[in-house]
N, C-alpha and C. Protein backbone atom coordinates (compact mmCIF):
# COMPACT_ATOMS: atom_id res chain seq x y z
N MET A 1 72.02 105.01 145.38
CA MET A 1 71.74 105.21 146.76
C MET A 1 71.21 103.91 147.34
N SER A 2 71.60 103.61 148.57
CA SER A 2 71.20 102.37 149.20
C SER A 2 69.77 102.47 149.73
N LYS A 3 69.16 101.30 149.93
CA LYS A 3 67.82 101.21 150.50
C LYS A 3 67.86 101.66 151.96
N THR A 4 66.84 102.42 152.40
CA THR A 4 66.83 102.87 153.78
C THR A 4 66.32 101.76 154.70
N GLU A 5 66.82 101.78 155.93
CA GLU A 5 66.41 100.82 156.95
C GLU A 5 66.01 101.59 158.19
N GLU A 6 64.82 101.29 158.72
CA GLU A 6 64.37 101.98 159.93
C GLU A 6 64.99 101.34 161.16
N ARG A 7 65.38 102.19 162.11
CA ARG A 7 65.93 101.74 163.39
C ARG A 7 65.35 102.64 164.49
N ILE A 8 65.39 102.12 165.71
CA ILE A 8 65.03 102.89 166.90
C ILE A 8 66.32 103.11 167.69
N ILE A 9 66.61 104.35 168.04
CA ILE A 9 67.81 104.67 168.79
C ILE A 9 67.68 104.07 170.20
N SER A 10 68.66 103.26 170.61
CA SER A 10 68.58 102.52 171.88
C SER A 10 69.06 103.32 173.09
N ARG A 11 69.72 104.44 172.86
CA ARG A 11 70.21 105.30 173.94
C ARG A 11 70.38 106.69 173.36
N ASP A 12 70.43 107.71 174.21
CA ASP A 12 70.73 109.05 173.70
C ASP A 12 72.03 108.95 172.91
N CYS A 13 72.05 109.57 171.76
CA CYS A 13 73.18 109.39 170.85
C CYS A 13 73.60 110.73 170.26
N GLN A 14 74.90 111.05 170.40
CA GLN A 14 75.46 112.24 169.77
C GLN A 14 75.56 111.99 168.26
N ALA A 15 75.23 113.01 167.50
CA ALA A 15 75.31 112.94 166.05
C ALA A 15 75.64 114.33 165.53
N THR A 16 75.93 114.41 164.25
CA THR A 16 76.24 115.68 163.60
C THR A 16 75.14 116.00 162.61
N ALA A 17 74.49 117.15 162.77
CA ALA A 17 73.44 117.56 161.84
C ALA A 17 74.06 117.83 160.48
N VAL A 18 73.37 117.41 159.44
CA VAL A 18 73.82 117.61 158.06
C VAL A 18 72.83 118.57 157.41
N PRO A 19 73.25 119.63 156.76
CA PRO A 19 74.61 120.00 156.41
C PRO A 19 75.26 121.02 157.35
N SER A 20 74.59 121.39 158.46
CA SER A 20 75.12 122.48 159.30
C SER A 20 76.40 122.12 160.04
N GLY A 21 76.58 120.82 160.36
CA GLY A 21 77.76 120.40 161.11
C GLY A 21 77.62 120.58 162.61
N GLU A 22 76.44 121.00 163.08
CA GLU A 22 76.21 121.19 164.51
C GLU A 22 76.01 119.85 165.20
N MET A 23 76.47 119.76 166.45
CA MET A 23 76.25 118.54 167.23
C MET A 23 74.80 118.54 167.73
N VAL A 24 74.15 117.37 167.62
CA VAL A 24 72.79 117.20 168.10
C VAL A 24 72.73 115.90 168.90
N THR A 25 71.71 115.77 169.72
CA THR A 25 71.47 114.53 170.44
C THR A 25 70.20 113.91 169.89
N LEU A 26 70.32 112.68 169.40
CA LEU A 26 69.16 111.92 169.00
C LEU A 26 68.69 111.18 170.25
N PRO A 27 67.50 111.51 170.77
CA PRO A 27 67.06 110.91 172.03
C PRO A 27 66.73 109.43 171.89
N LYS A 28 66.93 108.71 172.96
CA LYS A 28 66.57 107.30 173.03
C LYS A 28 65.11 107.16 172.60
N GLY A 29 64.84 106.16 171.76
CA GLY A 29 63.49 105.92 171.27
C GLY A 29 63.17 106.61 169.96
N SER A 30 64.07 107.48 169.47
CA SER A 30 63.84 108.16 168.19
C SER A 30 63.86 107.16 167.05
N LYS A 31 62.96 107.35 166.09
CA LYS A 31 62.97 106.54 164.88
C LYS A 31 63.88 107.23 163.87
N VAL A 32 64.76 106.45 163.25
CA VAL A 32 65.64 106.98 162.19
C VAL A 32 65.61 106.02 161.03
N ASN A 33 65.94 106.52 159.86
CA ASN A 33 66.13 105.69 158.67
C ASN A 33 67.58 105.83 158.24
N ILE A 34 68.29 104.71 158.18
CA ILE A 34 69.68 104.72 157.72
C ILE A 34 69.66 104.86 156.20
N THR A 35 70.35 105.89 155.70
CA THR A 35 70.43 106.09 154.25
C THR A 35 71.77 105.69 153.67
N HIS A 36 72.86 105.83 154.47
CA HIS A 36 74.20 105.46 154.02
C HIS A 36 74.97 104.82 155.16
N ARG A 37 75.80 103.83 154.80
CA ARG A 37 76.77 103.22 155.71
C ARG A 37 78.10 103.40 155.01
N LEU A 38 78.81 104.46 155.37
CA LEU A 38 80.00 104.81 154.63
C LEU A 38 81.19 105.03 155.56
N GLY A 39 82.25 104.25 155.37
CA GLY A 39 83.48 104.43 156.12
C GLY A 39 83.33 104.24 157.61
N GLY A 40 82.35 103.45 158.04
CA GLY A 40 82.13 103.22 159.46
C GLY A 40 81.17 104.21 160.09
N ASN A 41 80.76 105.24 159.34
CA ASN A 41 79.79 106.21 159.82
C ASN A 41 78.44 105.93 159.15
N PHE A 42 77.36 106.38 159.80
CA PHE A 42 76.03 106.15 159.28
C PHE A 42 75.33 107.49 159.08
N THR A 43 74.70 107.67 157.93
CA THR A 43 73.87 108.85 157.69
C THR A 43 72.43 108.41 157.90
N VAL A 44 71.70 109.19 158.70
CA VAL A 44 70.32 108.85 159.02
C VAL A 44 69.41 110.05 158.79
N ILE A 45 68.14 109.73 158.55
CA ILE A 45 67.10 110.75 158.50
C ILE A 45 66.26 110.54 159.75
N TRP A 46 65.97 111.63 160.46
CA TRP A 46 65.10 111.55 161.64
C TRP A 46 64.13 112.71 161.60
N ASP A 47 63.31 112.87 162.63
CA ASP A 47 62.24 113.88 162.62
C ASP A 47 62.74 115.28 162.32
N TYR A 48 64.00 115.59 162.65
CA TYR A 48 64.50 116.95 162.50
C TYR A 48 65.47 117.11 161.35
N GLY A 49 65.54 116.14 160.46
CA GLY A 49 66.41 116.27 159.29
C GLY A 49 67.38 115.12 159.15
N MET A 50 68.55 115.44 158.63
CA MET A 50 69.58 114.45 158.36
C MET A 50 70.69 114.60 159.40
N ALA A 51 71.29 113.47 159.78
CA ALA A 51 72.40 113.50 160.74
C ALA A 51 73.38 112.38 160.41
N ARG A 52 74.60 112.57 160.87
CA ARG A 52 75.63 111.54 160.72
C ARG A 52 75.99 111.02 162.10
N ILE A 53 75.92 109.70 162.24
CA ILE A 53 76.31 109.05 163.48
C ILE A 53 77.69 108.46 163.27
N ASP A 54 78.66 108.90 164.07
CA ASP A 54 80.04 108.44 163.94
C ASP A 54 80.18 107.00 164.39
N ARG A 55 81.28 106.39 163.97
CA ARG A 55 81.52 104.98 164.26
C ARG A 55 81.54 104.68 165.75
N GLU A 56 81.85 105.65 166.60
CA GLU A 56 81.88 105.42 168.04
C GLU A 56 80.49 105.21 168.63
N ASN A 57 79.44 105.58 167.89
CA ASN A 57 78.08 105.52 168.41
C ASN A 57 77.16 104.57 167.63
N VAL A 58 77.72 103.72 166.79
CA VAL A 58 76.86 102.85 165.96
C VAL A 58 76.06 101.84 166.79
N ASP A 59 76.52 101.56 168.02
CA ASP A 59 75.77 100.63 168.87
C ASP A 59 74.38 101.17 169.17
N ALA A 60 74.20 102.50 169.18
CA ALA A 60 72.89 103.09 169.44
C ALA A 60 71.89 102.75 168.33
N LEU A 61 72.42 102.36 167.17
CA LEU A 61 71.58 101.93 166.05
C LEU A 61 71.35 100.42 166.05
N GLY A 62 72.01 99.73 166.99
CA GLY A 62 71.95 98.27 166.98
C GLY A 62 72.85 97.69 165.90
N GLU A 63 73.87 98.44 165.51
CA GLU A 63 74.79 98.03 164.46
C GLU A 63 76.17 97.75 165.04
N GLU A 64 76.98 97.06 164.28
CA GLU A 64 78.39 96.85 164.61
C GLU A 64 79.21 97.38 163.45
N LEU A 65 80.44 97.78 163.77
CA LEU A 65 81.34 98.23 162.71
C LEU A 65 81.76 97.06 161.84
N PRO A 66 81.91 97.29 160.53
CA PRO A 66 82.45 96.24 159.68
C PRO A 66 83.84 95.84 160.18
N THR A 67 84.19 94.58 160.02
CA THR A 67 85.49 94.06 160.47
C THR A 67 86.63 94.88 159.92
N SER A 68 86.55 95.31 158.66
CA SER A 68 87.64 96.08 158.05
C SER A 68 87.87 97.39 158.78
N VAL A 69 86.80 98.04 159.27
CA VAL A 69 86.94 99.31 160.00
C VAL A 69 87.61 99.05 161.34
N VAL A 70 87.21 97.98 162.03
CA VAL A 70 87.81 97.64 163.32
C VAL A 70 89.29 97.33 163.15
N GLN A 71 89.63 96.54 162.13
CA GLN A 71 91.03 96.16 161.91
C GLN A 71 91.88 97.37 161.57
N ASN A 72 91.35 98.29 160.78
CA ASN A 72 92.11 99.47 160.38
C ASN A 72 92.38 100.40 161.56
N SER A 73 91.55 100.35 162.60
CA SER A 73 91.72 101.27 163.72
C SER A 73 92.68 100.73 164.78
N LEU A 74 93.20 99.52 164.61
CA LEU A 74 94.14 98.97 165.57
C LEU A 74 95.55 99.43 165.23
N LYS A 75 96.22 100.07 166.17
CA LYS A 75 97.60 100.51 165.94
C LYS A 75 98.52 99.30 165.98
N ILE A 76 99.40 99.20 165.01
CA ILE A 76 100.36 98.12 164.92
C ILE A 76 101.73 98.70 165.20
N GLU A 77 102.57 97.96 165.92
CA GLU A 77 103.95 98.42 166.16
C GLU A 77 104.60 98.66 164.81
N HIS A 78 105.23 99.81 164.66
CA HIS A 78 105.75 100.19 163.34
C HIS A 78 107.02 101.01 163.52
N GLN A 79 107.96 100.79 162.62
CA GLN A 79 109.16 101.61 162.57
C GLN A 79 109.28 102.20 161.17
N GLY A 80 109.83 103.40 161.11
CA GLY A 80 110.02 104.05 159.83
C GLY A 80 108.80 104.85 159.42
N PRO A 81 108.87 105.41 158.23
CA PRO A 81 107.77 106.27 157.77
C PRO A 81 106.50 105.47 157.50
N PRO A 82 105.37 106.14 157.61
CA PRO A 82 104.11 105.47 157.28
C PRO A 82 104.04 105.18 155.77
N ASP A 83 103.26 104.19 155.42
CA ASP A 83 103.05 103.82 154.02
C ASP A 83 102.05 104.81 153.40
N GLU A 84 102.51 105.58 152.43
CA GLU A 84 101.65 106.60 151.82
C GLU A 84 100.40 105.98 151.20
N SER A 85 100.54 104.81 150.58
CA SER A 85 99.36 104.19 149.96
C SER A 85 98.34 103.80 151.04
N ALA A 86 98.80 103.43 152.24
CA ALA A 86 97.87 103.11 153.33
C ALA A 86 97.12 104.37 153.77
N ILE A 87 97.79 105.50 153.75
CA ILE A 87 97.12 106.76 154.11
C ILE A 87 96.04 107.08 153.08
N TRP A 88 96.37 106.93 151.80
CA TRP A 88 95.38 107.18 150.75
C TRP A 88 94.19 106.24 150.90
N GLU A 89 94.45 104.99 151.25
CA GLU A 89 93.36 104.02 151.44
C GLU A 89 92.46 104.45 152.59
N GLU A 90 93.05 104.95 153.67
CA GLU A 90 92.24 105.44 154.79
C GLU A 90 91.40 106.64 154.35
N LEU A 91 91.98 107.53 153.55
CA LEU A 91 91.21 108.69 153.07
C LEU A 91 90.03 108.25 152.20
N LYS A 92 90.16 107.10 151.57
CA LYS A 92 89.05 106.58 150.76
C LYS A 92 87.91 106.04 151.61
N THR A 93 88.07 106.05 152.94
CA THR A 93 86.97 105.64 153.83
C THR A 93 86.28 106.86 154.44
N VAL A 94 86.63 108.06 153.96
CA VAL A 94 86.03 109.30 154.46
C VAL A 94 85.03 109.79 153.42
N PHE A 95 83.82 110.11 153.89
CA PHE A 95 82.74 110.50 153.00
C PHE A 95 82.06 111.76 153.48
N ASP A 96 81.60 112.57 152.54
CA ASP A 96 80.64 113.62 152.83
C ASP A 96 79.33 112.86 153.04
N PRO A 97 78.63 113.08 154.16
CA PRO A 97 77.44 112.27 154.43
C PRO A 97 76.31 112.43 153.42
N GLU A 98 76.37 113.47 152.60
CA GLU A 98 75.33 113.68 151.60
C GLU A 98 75.67 113.05 150.25
N ILE A 99 76.93 112.65 150.07
CA ILE A 99 77.37 112.15 148.77
C ILE A 99 78.01 110.78 148.97
N PRO A 100 77.51 109.75 148.31
CA PRO A 100 78.03 108.39 148.54
C PRO A 100 79.33 108.07 147.78
N VAL A 101 80.23 109.04 147.71
CA VAL A 101 81.54 108.84 147.08
C VAL A 101 82.59 109.39 148.03
N ASN A 102 83.69 108.65 148.19
CA ASN A 102 84.72 109.08 149.15
C ASN A 102 85.41 110.37 148.70
N ILE A 103 86.08 111.03 149.65
CA ILE A 103 86.68 112.34 149.37
C ILE A 103 87.82 112.28 148.36
N VAL A 104 88.48 111.13 148.24
CA VAL A 104 89.56 111.00 147.25
C VAL A 104 88.95 110.95 145.85
N ASP A 105 87.96 110.08 145.65
CA ASP A 105 87.34 109.98 144.33
C ASP A 105 86.51 111.20 143.96
N LEU A 106 86.08 111.96 144.98
CA LEU A 106 85.40 113.23 144.68
C LEU A 106 86.39 114.29 144.22
N GLY A 107 87.68 114.04 144.42
CA GLY A 107 88.70 115.02 144.03
C GLY A 107 88.87 116.13 145.05
N LEU A 108 88.51 115.86 146.30
CA LEU A 108 88.60 116.89 147.34
C LEU A 108 89.98 116.98 147.98
N VAL A 109 90.80 115.93 147.84
CA VAL A 109 92.14 115.94 148.44
C VAL A 109 93.12 116.46 147.39
N TYR A 110 93.70 117.63 147.67
CA TYR A 110 94.61 118.26 146.72
C TYR A 110 96.06 117.82 146.91
N SER A 111 96.48 117.58 148.14
CA SER A 111 97.86 117.15 148.37
C SER A 111 97.98 116.39 149.67
N LEU A 112 99.00 115.53 149.71
CA LEU A 112 99.31 114.75 150.90
C LEU A 112 100.82 114.68 150.99
N ASN A 113 101.38 115.16 152.10
CA ASN A 113 102.83 115.15 152.30
C ASN A 113 103.16 114.53 153.64
N ILE A 114 104.16 113.66 153.64
CA ILE A 114 104.64 113.05 154.87
C ILE A 114 105.95 113.73 155.22
N GLU A 115 106.05 114.22 156.44
CA GLU A 115 107.20 114.98 156.87
C GLU A 115 107.80 114.33 158.12
N GLU A 116 109.10 114.03 158.06
CA GLU A 116 109.74 113.43 159.22
C GLU A 116 110.13 114.52 160.20
N LYS A 117 109.72 114.32 161.45
CA LYS A 117 110.14 115.19 162.54
C LYS A 117 111.27 114.45 163.26
N GLU A 118 111.64 114.86 164.43
CA GLU A 118 112.73 114.18 165.15
C GLU A 118 112.29 112.82 165.69
N ASN A 119 113.26 111.94 165.90
CA ASN A 119 113.06 110.62 166.51
C ASN A 119 112.03 109.76 165.78
N GLU A 120 112.08 109.74 164.48
CA GLU A 120 111.17 108.94 163.65
C GLU A 120 109.69 109.23 163.93
N ASN A 121 109.39 110.48 164.21
CA ASN A 121 108.00 110.91 164.29
C ASN A 121 107.63 111.49 162.93
N TYR A 122 106.48 111.07 162.41
CA TYR A 122 106.08 111.49 161.07
C TYR A 122 104.74 112.21 161.13
N ASN A 123 104.73 113.40 160.52
CA ASN A 123 103.51 114.19 160.41
C ASN A 123 102.98 114.06 158.99
N VAL A 124 101.68 113.99 158.87
CA VAL A 124 101.03 113.97 157.57
C VAL A 124 100.30 115.29 157.42
N ASN A 125 100.57 115.98 156.32
CA ASN A 125 99.93 117.26 156.02
C ASN A 125 99.08 117.09 154.77
N VAL A 126 97.81 117.42 154.89
CA VAL A 126 96.87 117.26 153.78
C VAL A 126 96.21 118.60 153.51
N LYS A 127 96.10 118.92 152.23
CA LYS A 127 95.30 120.07 151.80
C LYS A 127 94.10 119.49 151.06
N MET A 128 92.93 119.91 151.49
CA MET A 128 91.72 119.43 150.85
C MET A 128 90.71 120.56 150.76
N THR A 129 89.68 120.32 149.97
CA THR A 129 88.63 121.30 149.80
C THR A 129 87.29 120.62 150.02
N LEU A 130 86.23 121.35 149.78
CA LEU A 130 84.87 120.82 149.88
C LEU A 130 84.15 121.12 148.57
N THR A 131 83.01 120.49 148.38
CA THR A 131 82.26 120.73 147.14
C THR A 131 81.67 122.14 147.11
N ALA A 132 81.49 122.74 148.31
CA ALA A 132 80.97 124.11 148.39
C ALA A 132 81.60 124.80 149.60
N PRO A 133 82.07 126.05 149.46
CA PRO A 133 82.72 126.74 150.56
C PRO A 133 81.87 126.89 151.82
N GLY A 134 80.57 126.99 151.70
CA GLY A 134 79.72 127.20 152.86
C GLY A 134 79.29 125.93 153.58
N CYS A 135 79.85 124.80 153.19
CA CYS A 135 79.44 123.52 153.77
C CYS A 135 79.79 123.46 155.25
N GLY A 136 78.78 123.34 156.10
CA GLY A 136 79.00 123.25 157.54
C GLY A 136 79.65 121.96 157.96
N MET A 137 79.66 120.95 157.09
CA MET A 137 80.25 119.66 157.41
C MET A 137 81.76 119.66 157.21
N GLY A 138 82.33 120.73 156.68
CA GLY A 138 83.76 120.79 156.42
C GLY A 138 84.63 120.39 157.60
N PRO A 139 84.45 121.01 158.77
CA PRO A 139 85.26 120.63 159.92
C PRO A 139 85.04 119.17 160.34
N VAL A 140 83.83 118.67 160.18
CA VAL A 140 83.52 117.28 160.55
C VAL A 140 84.24 116.32 159.60
N ILE A 141 84.19 116.61 158.31
CA ILE A 141 84.86 115.77 157.32
C ILE A 141 86.37 115.82 157.54
N ALA A 142 86.91 117.00 157.80
CA ALA A 142 88.35 117.14 158.05
C ALA A 142 88.76 116.35 159.29
N GLU A 143 87.95 116.40 160.35
CA GLU A 143 88.27 115.66 161.58
C GLU A 143 88.19 114.15 161.34
N ASP A 144 87.22 113.73 160.53
CA ASP A 144 87.11 112.31 160.19
C ASP A 144 88.37 111.86 159.43
N ALA A 145 88.83 112.69 158.49
CA ALA A 145 90.05 112.37 157.75
C ALA A 145 91.24 112.27 158.70
N LYS A 146 91.37 113.23 159.61
CA LYS A 146 92.47 113.21 160.58
C LYS A 146 92.45 111.92 161.40
N SER A 147 91.28 111.61 161.93
CA SER A 147 91.13 110.43 162.78
C SER A 147 91.55 109.16 162.06
N LYS A 148 91.13 109.03 160.82
CA LYS A 148 91.44 107.81 160.07
C LYS A 148 92.91 107.74 159.68
N MET A 149 93.52 108.89 159.36
CA MET A 149 94.95 108.88 159.02
C MET A 149 95.80 108.57 160.24
N ARG A 150 95.36 109.01 161.42
CA ARG A 150 96.09 108.70 162.66
C ARG A 150 96.16 107.20 162.92
N ASP A 151 95.21 106.43 162.36
CA ASP A 151 95.19 104.98 162.54
C ASP A 151 96.27 104.26 161.73
N VAL A 152 96.89 104.95 160.78
CA VAL A 152 97.92 104.31 159.95
C VAL A 152 99.21 104.18 160.76
N PRO A 153 99.77 102.97 160.82
CA PRO A 153 101.02 102.77 161.55
C PRO A 153 102.11 103.73 161.06
N GLY A 154 102.79 104.36 162.01
CA GLY A 154 103.87 105.29 161.69
C GLY A 154 103.46 106.74 161.70
N VAL A 155 102.16 107.02 161.66
CA VAL A 155 101.68 108.41 161.67
C VAL A 155 101.66 108.90 163.10
N THR A 156 102.35 110.03 163.36
CA THR A 156 102.39 110.62 164.68
C THR A 156 101.38 111.75 164.81
N GLU A 157 101.40 112.66 163.83
CA GLU A 157 100.51 113.82 163.84
C GLU A 157 99.91 114.00 162.46
N VAL A 158 98.73 114.64 162.44
CA VAL A 158 98.06 114.92 161.17
C VAL A 158 97.56 116.35 161.18
N ASP A 159 97.77 117.04 160.07
CA ASP A 159 97.22 118.38 159.90
C ASP A 159 96.42 118.38 158.60
N VAL A 160 95.16 118.77 158.69
CA VAL A 160 94.31 118.89 157.50
C VAL A 160 93.95 120.36 157.35
N GLU A 161 94.31 120.92 156.22
CA GLU A 161 94.01 122.32 155.92
C GLU A 161 92.94 122.38 154.84
N LEU A 162 91.84 123.09 155.12
CA LEU A 162 90.80 123.30 154.11
C LEU A 162 91.21 124.50 153.26
N VAL A 163 91.25 124.29 151.96
CA VAL A 163 91.65 125.35 151.03
C VAL A 163 90.55 125.51 149.97
N TRP A 164 90.56 126.67 149.33
CA TRP A 164 89.51 126.96 148.34
C TRP A 164 90.09 127.26 146.96
N ASP A 165 91.40 127.12 146.83
CA ASP A 165 92.04 127.41 145.55
C ASP A 165 92.88 126.21 145.14
N PRO A 166 92.61 125.59 144.03
CA PRO A 166 91.58 125.96 143.07
C PRO A 166 90.19 125.55 143.55
N PRO A 167 89.17 126.26 143.09
CA PRO A 167 87.81 125.88 143.47
C PRO A 167 87.48 124.49 142.92
N TRP A 168 86.78 123.70 143.71
CA TRP A 168 86.40 122.36 143.29
C TRP A 168 85.34 122.44 142.20
N ASN A 169 85.42 121.50 141.25
CA ASN A 169 84.36 121.35 140.25
C ASN A 169 84.23 119.88 139.89
N GLN A 170 83.17 119.51 139.21
CA GLN A 170 82.88 118.11 138.92
C GLN A 170 83.94 117.44 138.05
N ASP A 171 84.73 118.20 137.33
CA ASP A 171 85.80 117.61 136.52
C ASP A 171 86.87 116.95 137.39
N MET A 172 86.91 117.29 138.67
CA MET A 172 87.90 116.73 139.60
C MET A 172 87.52 115.34 140.11
N ILE A 173 86.29 114.92 139.86
CA ILE A 173 85.83 113.60 140.30
C ILE A 173 86.52 112.53 139.45
N SER A 174 87.00 111.47 140.10
CA SER A 174 87.65 110.38 139.37
C SER A 174 86.63 109.64 138.51
N GLU A 175 87.12 108.83 137.58
CA GLU A 175 86.23 108.02 136.73
C GLU A 175 85.35 107.12 137.61
N GLU A 176 85.97 106.51 138.62
CA GLU A 176 85.22 105.63 139.52
C GLU A 176 84.12 106.41 140.24
N GLY A 177 84.45 107.61 140.72
CA GLY A 177 83.47 108.44 141.39
C GLY A 177 82.34 108.84 140.46
N LYS A 178 82.67 109.19 139.22
CA LYS A 178 81.64 109.56 138.25
C LYS A 178 80.71 108.38 137.97
N MET A 179 81.29 107.17 137.92
CA MET A 179 80.46 105.98 137.71
C MET A 179 79.51 105.77 138.89
N GLN A 180 80.03 105.95 140.12
CA GLN A 180 79.18 105.78 141.30
C GLN A 180 78.05 106.79 141.35
N LEU A 181 78.31 107.98 140.85
CA LEU A 181 77.28 109.03 140.85
C LEU A 181 76.39 108.99 139.62
N GLY A 182 76.69 108.09 138.68
CA GLY A 182 75.89 107.98 137.46
C GLY A 182 76.14 109.11 136.48
N LEU A 183 77.33 109.72 136.56
CA LEU A 183 77.67 110.83 135.66
C LEU A 183 78.23 110.34 134.33
N ILE A 184 78.62 109.06 134.28
CA ILE A 184 79.08 108.49 132.99
C ILE A 184 78.48 107.12 132.81
């Protein structure tokens, strides 16, 4: 886990409460401690618990997005199907705000299919799960995955379906993910 850094929120800032997934407003002047900087999003602790500040609001923390996040979000003129490996790389920038391992290495992404529609429009269909069925952050994580996959050149539409079969377990975590979590 990374060292926490205290910040003062410079303007009212929309955030997502963790783990409920509810939208909250962190008022200007609130003290927060940054606990994670993952995939362009920030996880913070404040007076009322934990929250995730999306990349669109990092200026309220006095932060800037890493250059790699900015470059990945620029649409490039593209013809033909999207690069599947680029989609997987984007999914590796999506994190559960409570766990410092991306959703791919956590084993949460069960399938990824690229489907050509008419006129070289390509849809990406993903089936993924969560570490626990009752996780309120599920829709937030799924939306984050959608947003990042839409940034891949050639992707027209994205559908993320949350599934519960098979149930997730720790054996699904990649070797790299297990190393990051100190499981091996």
